[in-house]
Amino acid sequence: MYLDSGVLTAVKILVVGHFGVGKTTCIGSISEIEPLRTEEEITEASVGFDDLSGTPDKTTTTVAMDFGRLTISDEVVLYLFGTPGQERFKEMWEELSRGALGALVLVDPERLSESFPVLDLVERFGLTYAIGVNHFEGTTDYPLAEIREALNLSDRTPVVACDVRDQQSSAQALITLVHHLLTLLN
């Protein structure tokens, strides 16, 4: 990514994470356009495939992608692509990651073990990333240093707490990723 004064730069960003972590909610809370969603009702066909124990009230799931847009400045517009969280949809990742500059990886601190396959995919596709720790009501507020250690992250990988239901909080998580990307480019 490069920025020339007065030139609009479009940046493709993935919003990724395991099943039920809040990717669709994040894009919905932050997008300045009506987000494109490919959600379908969860049916009995998902029994044995999707673990709903961590999200018992979840009734829909993304089956292709989510899409939204966020203008960061007069020069930078983020195009946000949310990936499906289930293992069976990981083939979508290769196409969605093509041309992406980075990824915001959402994690649920109560289900960190589900984040490792997602981190593996992000690294496999060579994406620079930041971690957004999405806190759900009624869950423990773990220190970010403990999350970093549990996920075995480099000290250079940004880790930020967020509430994906809140526009400002989601924006801050994305801004953290953009700052990280700019730091690596300079």
Protein backbone atom coordinates (compact mmCIF):
# COMPACT_ATOMS: atom_id res chain seq x y z
CA MET A 1 0.00 0.00 0.00
CA TYR A 2 1.30 3.46 -0.79
CA LEU A 3 -0.26 6.83 -0.20
CA ASP A 4 0.22 9.77 -2.56
CA SER A 5 -1.26 13.04 -1.39
CA GLY A 6 -4.71 13.47 -2.84
CA VAL A 7 -4.94 9.93 -4.22
CA LEU A 8 -7.64 7.66 -2.89
CA THR A 9 -6.19 4.32 -1.84
CA ALA A 10 -8.53 1.34 -1.57
CA VAL A 11 -7.38 -1.26 0.94
CA LYS A 12 -8.81 -4.77 1.12
CA ILE A 13 -9.01 -6.04 4.70
CA LEU A 14 -10.29 -9.40 5.90
CA VAL A 15 -12.26 -9.72 9.13
CA VAL A 16 -11.67 -13.29 10.24
CA GLY A 17 -12.18 -15.53 13.22
CA HIS A 18 -13.72 -18.76 14.34
CA PHE A 19 -17.41 -19.63 14.17
CA GLY A 20 -19.60 -17.27 16.19
CA VAL A 21 -16.88 -14.78 17.19
CA GLY A 22 -18.62 -11.68 15.79
CA LYS A 23 -17.31 -11.10 12.26
CA THR A 24 -20.72 -10.27 10.77
CA THR A 25 -21.59 -8.07 13.74
CA CYS A 26 -18.27 -6.21 13.43
CA ILE A 27 -18.76 -5.40 9.76
CA GLY A 28 -22.39 -4.47 10.38
CA SER A 29 -21.46 -2.08 13.19
CA ILE A 30 -18.76 -0.27 11.24
CA SER A 31 -19.75 -0.27 7.57
CA GLU A 32 -20.79 3.08 6.13
CA ILE A 33 -22.85 1.25 3.50
CA GLU A 34 -25.52 -1.37 4.02
CA PRO A 35 -23.33 -4.46 4.45
CA LEU A 36 -23.69 -7.42 2.15
CA ARG A 37 -24.42 -10.50 4.23
CA THR A 38 -24.69 -14.10 3.13
CA GLU A 39 -26.23 -15.46 6.29
CA GLU A 40 -28.50 -18.46 6.40
CA GLU A 41 -30.47 -20.05 9.19
CA ILE A 42 -28.61 -22.74 11.08
CA THR A 43 -30.39 -26.03 10.41
CA GLU A 44 -30.14 -29.58 11.64
CA ALA A 45 -27.62 -30.19 8.84
CA SER A 46 -25.04 -28.36 10.96
CA VAL A 47 -25.38 -30.83 13.84
CA GLY A 48 -22.03 -32.50 14.34
CA PHE A 49 -20.28 -29.77 12.33
CA ASP A 50 -20.93 -26.50 14.17
CA ASP A 51 -20.33 -26.31 17.91
CA LEU A 52 -23.01 -23.99 19.27
CA SER A 53 -22.04 -24.50 22.92
CA GLY A 54 -20.14 -21.19 23.03
CA THR A 55 -22.94 -19.33 21.23
CA PRO A 56 -26.23 -20.98 22.24
CA ASP A 57 -28.38 -18.09 20.94
CA LYS A 58 -26.83 -18.10 17.46
CA THR A 59 -29.46 -18.81 14.78
CA THR A 60 -27.67 -17.82 11.55
CA THR A 61 -24.27 -18.37 9.99
CA THR A 62 -22.27 -16.80 7.16
CA VAL A 63 -22.04 -19.16 4.20
CA ALA A 64 -19.96 -17.11 1.75
CA MET A 65 -18.80 -13.72 3.03
CA ASP A 66 -19.79 -10.39 4.48
CA PHE A 67 -18.81 -7.12 2.82
CA GLY A 68 -18.66 -3.54 4.05
CA ARG A 69 -16.82 -0.29 3.47
CA LEU A 70 -15.23 2.21 5.84
CA THR A 71 -13.61 5.51 4.85
CA ILE A 72 -10.68 6.13 7.18
CA SER A 73 -9.58 9.47 5.68
CA ASP A 74 -9.77 11.47 2.47
CA GLU A 75 -7.05 9.17 1.17
CA VAL A 76 -7.87 5.70 2.55
CA VAL A 77 -10.97 3.54 2.15
CA LEU A 78 -11.13 0.08 3.68
CA TYR A 79 -13.08 -2.64 1.89
CA LEU A 80 -13.97 -5.20 4.55
CA PHE A 81 -14.50 -8.85 3.71
CA GLY A 82 -15.74 -11.15 6.46
CA THR A 83 -14.91 -14.81 6.05
CA PRO A 84 -17.01 -17.77 7.17
CA GLY A 85 -15.75 -19.24 10.42
CA GLN A 86 -16.42 -22.92 9.86
CA GLU A 87 -13.73 -25.33 8.73
CA ARG A 88 -15.90 -26.57 5.86
CA PHE A 89 -15.83 -23.10 4.24
CA LYS A 90 -12.06 -22.59 4.40
CA GLU A 91 -11.78 -22.93 0.59
CA MET A 92 -13.37 -19.46 0.44
CA TRP A 93 -10.31 -18.07 2.19
CA GLU A 94 -7.97 -18.45 -0.77
CA GLU A 95 -10.18 -16.32 -2.99
CA LEU A 96 -11.02 -13.80 -0.28
CA SER A 97 -7.38 -13.38 0.77
CA ARG A 98 -6.24 -12.61 -2.77
CA GLY A 99 -5.30 -8.92 -2.82
CA ALA A 100 -5.92 -8.40 0.90
CA LEU A 101 -3.39 -6.24 2.67
CA GLY A 102 -4.16 -7.55 6.14
CA ALA A 103 -6.62 -9.17 8.50
CA LEU A 104 -8.34 -8.29 11.73
CA VAL A 105 -8.49 -11.61 13.59
CA LEU A 106 -11.35 -11.64 16.08
CA VAL A 107 -10.99 -13.98 19.04
CA ASP A 108 -13.29 -14.95 21.89
CA PRO A 109 -11.21 -15.17 25.09
CA GLU A 110 -13.42 -18.01 26.33
CA ARG A 111 -12.73 -20.09 23.18
CA LEU A 112 -9.12 -19.27 22.31
CA SER A 113 -8.34 -22.81 21.16
CA GLU A 114 -10.74 -22.25 18.23
CA SER A 115 -8.52 -19.39 17.05
CA PHE A 116 -5.48 -21.52 16.17
CA PRO A 117 -6.84 -22.88 12.84
CA VAL A 118 -7.77 -19.30 11.87
CA LEU A 119 -4.29 -18.01 12.74
CA ASP A 120 -2.80 -20.87 10.72
CA LEU A 121 -4.83 -19.81 7.66
CA VAL A 122 -3.92 -16.13 8.07
CA GLU A 123 -0.24 -17.03 8.24
CA ARG A 124 -0.56 -19.53 5.38
CA PHE A 125 -1.87 -16.78 3.12
CA GLY A 126 0.84 -14.37 4.28
CA LEU A 127 -1.49 -11.77 5.76
CA THR A 128 -0.30 -9.21 8.27
CA TYR A 129 -2.77 -9.16 11.13
CA ALA A 130 -3.91 -7.65 14.39
CA ILE A 131 -5.95 -9.41 17.06
CA GLY A 132 -9.29 -8.02 18.23
CA VAL A 133 -10.35 -9.63 21.51
CA ASN A 134 -14.14 -9.51 21.37
CA HIS A 135 -15.61 -9.50 24.84
CA PHE A 136 -19.02 -11.07 25.28
CA GLU A 137 -21.36 -10.21 28.12
CA GLY A 138 -20.85 -12.32 31.21
CA THR A 139 -17.34 -13.45 30.27
CA THR A 140 -14.07 -12.88 32.07
CA ASP A 141 -12.10 -9.80 31.04
CA TYR A 142 -8.64 -11.35 30.59
CA PRO A 143 -5.55 -9.12 30.44
CA LEU A 144 -4.37 -8.69 26.84
CA ALA A 145 -0.88 -9.91 27.83
CA GLU A 146 -2.45 -13.24 28.85
CA ILE A 147 -4.29 -13.47 25.52
CA ARG A 148 -1.04 -12.74 23.66
CA GLU A 149 0.76 -15.45 25.61
CA ALA A 150 -2.04 -18.01 25.21
CA LEU A 151 -2.07 -17.45 21.43
CA ASN A 152 1.75 -17.50 21.30
CA LEU A 153 1.89 -14.17 19.47
CA SER A 154 4.92 -12.08 18.66
CA ASP A 155 5.36 -8.87 20.63
CA ARG A 156 4.95 -7.03 17.32
CA THR A 157 1.42 -8.35 16.72
CA PRO A 158 -1.09 -5.77 17.96
CA VAL A 159 -3.72 -7.08 20.41
CA VAL A 160 -6.65 -4.82 21.22
CA ALA A 161 -9.83 -5.33 23.23
CA CYS A 162 -13.04 -4.58 21.36
CA ASP A 163 -16.79 -4.92 21.46
CA VAL A 164 -17.83 -5.59 17.87
CA ARG A 165 -21.37 -4.38 18.59
CA ASP A 166 -19.98 -0.89 19.17
CA GLN A 167 -19.06 1.18 16.10
CA GLN A 168 -16.29 3.12 17.83
CA SER A 169 -14.75 -0.01 19.33
CA SER A 170 -14.81 -1.84 15.98
CA ALA A 171 -13.29 1.23 14.29
CA GLN A 172 -10.49 1.34 16.85
CA ALA A 173 -9.65 -2.32 16.21
CA LEU A 174 -9.44 -1.66 12.46
CA ILE A 175 -7.41 1.51 12.97
CA THR A 176 -4.98 -0.53 15.08
CA LEU A 177 -4.54 -2.90 12.13
CA VAL A 178 -4.07 -0.03 9.66
CA HIS A 179 -1.43 1.60 11.90
CA HIS A 180 0.35 -1.75 12.13
CA LEU A 181 0.31 -2.10 8.33
CA LEU A 182 1.66 1.43 7.89
CA THR A 183 4.42 0.80 10.43
CA LEU A 184 5.56 -2.26 8.51
CA LEU A 185 5.59 -0.34 5.23
CA ASN A 186 7.75 2.51 6.53
